[in-house]
Amino acid sequence: MKNAIREIKEHQAEKEETRKIRQELKRLNRIFSTMRAQKENDAAIAKKIEQIKQRRERSANRKKNKADKEAQAAEAIRRSTGLRQDKNEENRPLQIGDAVRIRG
């Protein structure tokens, strides 16, 4: 009889122990899943920040290239029409490719 009671108590203790272990495991699993979700969220935020930085850089490069192209086009137009940027250039000797106007 005593052996039977002892065995029942041991089995009951084992059940209680496994229940506690399972509860602890569930708790740890919830903690790790929230940490994983936070890491994924942080990674997504970092990716978006990097995309925004790259977009700003591309925009700045496009603006710079556009300004350079406009300046080159304006210079080409000045050269083709014979307009000079300042008065000192008017007295310089003619060169090949300069636009000239012949009166006559």
C-alpha atoms as a PDB file:
ATOM      1  CA  MET A   1       0.000   0.000   0.000  1.00  0.00           C
ATOM      2  CA  LYS A   2       2.766   2.427   0.920  1.00  0.00           C
ATOM      3  CA  ASN A   3       4.568   1.618  -2.325  1.00  0.00           C
ATOM      4  CA  ALA A   4       1.446   2.356  -4.336  1.00  0.00           C
ATOM      5  CA  ILE A   5       0.971   5.719  -2.631  1.00  0.00           C
ATOM      6  CA  ARG A   6       4.625   6.569  -3.163  1.00  0.00           C
ATOM      7  CA  GLU A   7       4.409   5.676  -6.852  1.00  0.00           C
ATOM      8  CA  ILE A   8       1.282   7.757  -7.291  1.00  0.00           C
ATOM      9  CA  LYS A   9       2.979  10.735  -5.633  1.00  0.00           C
ATOM     10  CA  GLU A  10       6.075  10.331  -7.833  1.00  0.00           C
ATOM     11  CA  HIS A  11       3.997  10.169 -11.006  1.00  0.00           C
ATOM     12  CA  GLN A  12       1.989  13.165  -9.860  1.00  0.00           C
ATOM     13  CA  ALA A  13       5.231  15.038  -9.126  1.00  0.00           C
ATOM     14  CA  GLU A  14       6.567  14.167 -12.570  1.00  0.00           C
ATOM     15  CA  LYS A  15       3.383  15.424 -14.197  1.00  0.00           C
ATOM     16  CA  GLU A  16       3.617  18.655 -12.234  1.00  0.00           C
ATOM     17  CA  GLU A  17       7.281  19.051 -13.206  1.00  0.00           C
ATOM     18  CA  THR A  18       6.605  18.483 -16.910  1.00  0.00           C
ATOM     19  CA  ARG A  19       3.711  20.961 -16.769  1.00  0.00           C
ATOM     20  CA  LYS A  20       6.024  23.618 -15.271  1.00  0.00           C
ATOM     21  CA  ILE A  21       8.708  22.904 -17.851  1.00  0.00           C
ATOM     22  CA  ARG A  22       6.171  23.204 -20.678  1.00  0.00           C
ATOM     23  CA  GLN A  23       4.912  26.524 -19.292  1.00  0.00           C
ATOM     24  CA  GLU A  24       8.486  27.829 -19.105  1.00  0.00           C
ATOM     25  CA  LEU A  25       9.141  26.617 -22.641  1.00  0.00           C
ATOM     26  CA  LYS A  26       6.028  28.422 -23.915  1.00  0.00           C
ATOM     27  CA  ARG A  27       7.101  31.608 -22.140  1.00  0.00           C
ATOM     28  CA  LEU A  28      10.585  31.454 -23.670  1.00  0.00           C
ATOM     29  CA  ASN A  29       9.103  30.716 -27.081  1.00  0.00           C
ATOM     30  CA  ARG A  30       6.927  33.860 -26.844  1.00  0.00           C
ATOM     31  CA  ILE A  31       9.940  35.930 -25.832  1.00  0.00           C
ATOM     32  CA  PHE A  32      12.051  34.642 -28.724  1.00  0.00           C
ATOM     33  CA  SER A  33       9.248  35.145 -31.235  1.00  0.00           C
ATOM     34  CA  THR A  34       8.825  38.785 -30.157  1.00  0.00           C
ATOM     35  CA  MET A  35      12.590  39.303 -30.348  1.00  0.00           C
ATOM     36  CA  ARG A  36      12.651  37.769 -33.820  1.00  0.00           C
ATOM     37  CA  ALA A  37       9.776  40.016 -34.905  1.00  0.00           C
ATOM     38  CA  GLN A  38      11.623  43.069 -33.559  1.00  0.00           C
ATOM     39  CA  LYS A  39      14.797  42.107 -35.431  1.00  0.00           C
ATOM     40  CA  GLU A  40      12.838  41.661 -38.656  1.00  0.00           C
ATOM     41  CA  ASN A  41      11.146  45.002 -38.085  1.00  0.00           C
ATOM     42  CA  ASP A  42      14.493  46.672 -37.379  1.00  0.00           C
ATOM     43  CA  ALA A  43      15.942  45.138 -40.532  1.00  0.00           C
ATOM     44  CA  ALA A  44      12.998  46.411 -42.576  1.00  0.00           C
ATOM     45  CA  ILE A  45      13.394  49.891 -41.121  1.00  0.00           C
ATOM     46  CA  ALA A  46      17.130  49.895 -41.852  1.00  0.00           C
ATOM     47  CA  LYS A  47      16.413  48.786 -45.418  1.00  0.00           C
ATOM     48  CA  LYS A  48      13.899  51.613 -45.894  1.00  0.00           C
ATOM     49  CA  ILE A  49      16.371  54.155 -44.489  1.00  0.00           C
ATOM     50  CA  GLU A  50      19.022  52.937 -46.932  1.00  0.00           C
ATOM     51  CA  GLN A  51      16.536  53.172 -49.819  1.00  0.00           C
ATOM     52  CA  ILE A  52      15.676  56.743 -48.863  1.00  0.00           C
ATOM     53  CA  LYS A  53      19.370  57.685 -48.708  1.00  0.00           C
ATOM     54  CA  GLN A  54      20.004  56.159 -52.130  1.00  0.00           C
ATOM     55  CA  ARG A  55      16.964  57.923 -53.571  1.00  0.00           C
ATOM     56  CA  ARG A  56      18.226  61.288 -52.265  1.00  0.00           C
ATOM     57  CA  GLU A  57      21.682  60.641 -53.698  1.00  0.00           C
ATOM     58  CA  ARG A  58      20.231  59.751 -57.109  1.00  0.00           C
ATOM     59  CA  SER A  59      18.080  62.872 -57.037  1.00  0.00           C
ATOM     60  CA  ALA A  60      21.065  65.061 -56.168  1.00  0.00           C
ATOM     61  CA  ASN A  61      23.126  63.442 -58.943  1.00  0.00           C
ATOM     62  CA  ARG A  62      20.337  63.970 -61.472  1.00  0.00           C
ATOM     63  CA  LYS A  63      20.036  67.642 -60.502  1.00  0.00           C
ATOM     64  CA  LYS A  64      23.793  68.093 -60.772  1.00  0.00           C
ATOM     65  CA  ASN A  65      23.938  66.325 -64.148  1.00  0.00           C
ATOM     66  CA  LYS A  66      20.997  68.375 -65.408  1.00  0.00           C
ATOM     67  CA  ALA A  67      22.691  71.628 -64.391  1.00  0.00           C
ATOM     68  CA  ASP A  68      25.952  70.507 -66.047  1.00  0.00           C
ATOM     69  CA  LYS A  69      24.135  69.568 -69.265  1.00  0.00           C
ATOM     70  CA  GLU A  70      22.283  72.876 -69.301  1.00  0.00           C
ATOM     71  CA  ALA A  71      25.547  74.766 -68.826  1.00  0.00           C
ATOM     72  CA  GLN A  72      27.177  72.783 -71.644  1.00  0.00           C
ATOM     73  CA  ALA A  73      24.190  73.405 -73.915  1.00  0.00           C
ATOM     74  CA  ALA A  74      24.252  77.118 -73.136  1.00  0.00           C
ATOM     75  CA  GLU A  75      27.969  77.247 -73.878  1.00  0.00           C
ATOM     76  CA  ALA A  76      27.439  75.412 -77.156  1.00  0.00           C
ATOM     77  CA  ILE A  77      24.713  77.867 -78.118  1.00  0.00           C
ATOM     78  CA  ARG A  78      26.971  80.811 -77.233  1.00  0.00           C
ATOM     79  CA  ARG A  79      29.737  79.373 -79.372  1.00  0.00           C
ATOM     80  CA  SER A  80      27.449  78.674 -82.305  1.00  0.00           C
ATOM     81  CA  THR A  81      25.840  82.117 -82.264  1.00  0.00           C
ATOM     82  CA  GLY A  82      29.064  83.978 -81.699  1.00  0.00           C
ATOM     83  CA  LEU A  83      28.021  85.467 -78.387  1.00  0.00           C
ATOM     84  CA  ARG A  84      30.854  85.864 -75.975  1.00  0.00           C
ATOM     85  CA  GLN A  85      30.661  85.814 -72.211  1.00  0.00           C
ATOM     86  CA  ASP A  86      32.638  88.938 -71.500  1.00  0.00           C
ATOM     87  CA  LYS A  87      34.049  91.960 -73.378  1.00  0.00           C
ATOM     88  CA  ASN A  88      37.679  90.799 -73.110  1.00  0.00           C
ATOM     89  CA  GLU A  89      36.962  87.869 -75.382  1.00  0.00           C
ATOM     90  CA  GLU A  90      35.762  90.179 -78.167  1.00  0.00           C
ATOM     91  CA  ASN A  91      39.301  91.426 -78.810  1.00  0.00           C
ATOM     92  CA  ARG A  92      40.925  88.045 -79.042  1.00  0.00           C
ATOM     93  CA  PRO A  93      41.960  86.672 -82.431  1.00  0.00           C
ATOM     94  CA  LEU A  94      39.581  84.401 -84.289  1.00  0.00           C
ATOM     95  CA  GLN A  95      39.993  80.682 -83.931  1.00  0.00           C
ATOM     96  CA  ILE A  96      38.744  77.730 -85.899  1.00  0.00           C
ATOM     97  CA  GLY A  97      35.135  77.088 -85.072  1.00  0.00           C
ATOM     98  CA  ASP A  98      34.321  80.665 -84.057  1.00  0.00           C
ATOM     99  CA  ALA A  99      31.133  82.063 -85.534  1.00  0.00           C
ATOM    100  CA  VAL A 100      31.611  85.172 -87.657  1.00  0.00           C
ATOM    101  CA  ARG A 101      29.286  87.619 -89.373  1.00  0.00           C
ATOM    102  CA  ILE A 102      30.258  89.013 -92.747  1.00  0.00           C
ATOM    103  CA  ARG A 103      28.819  92.354 -93.700  1.00  0.00           C
ATOM    104  CA  GLY A 104      28.305  92.971 -97.279  1.00  0.00           C
END
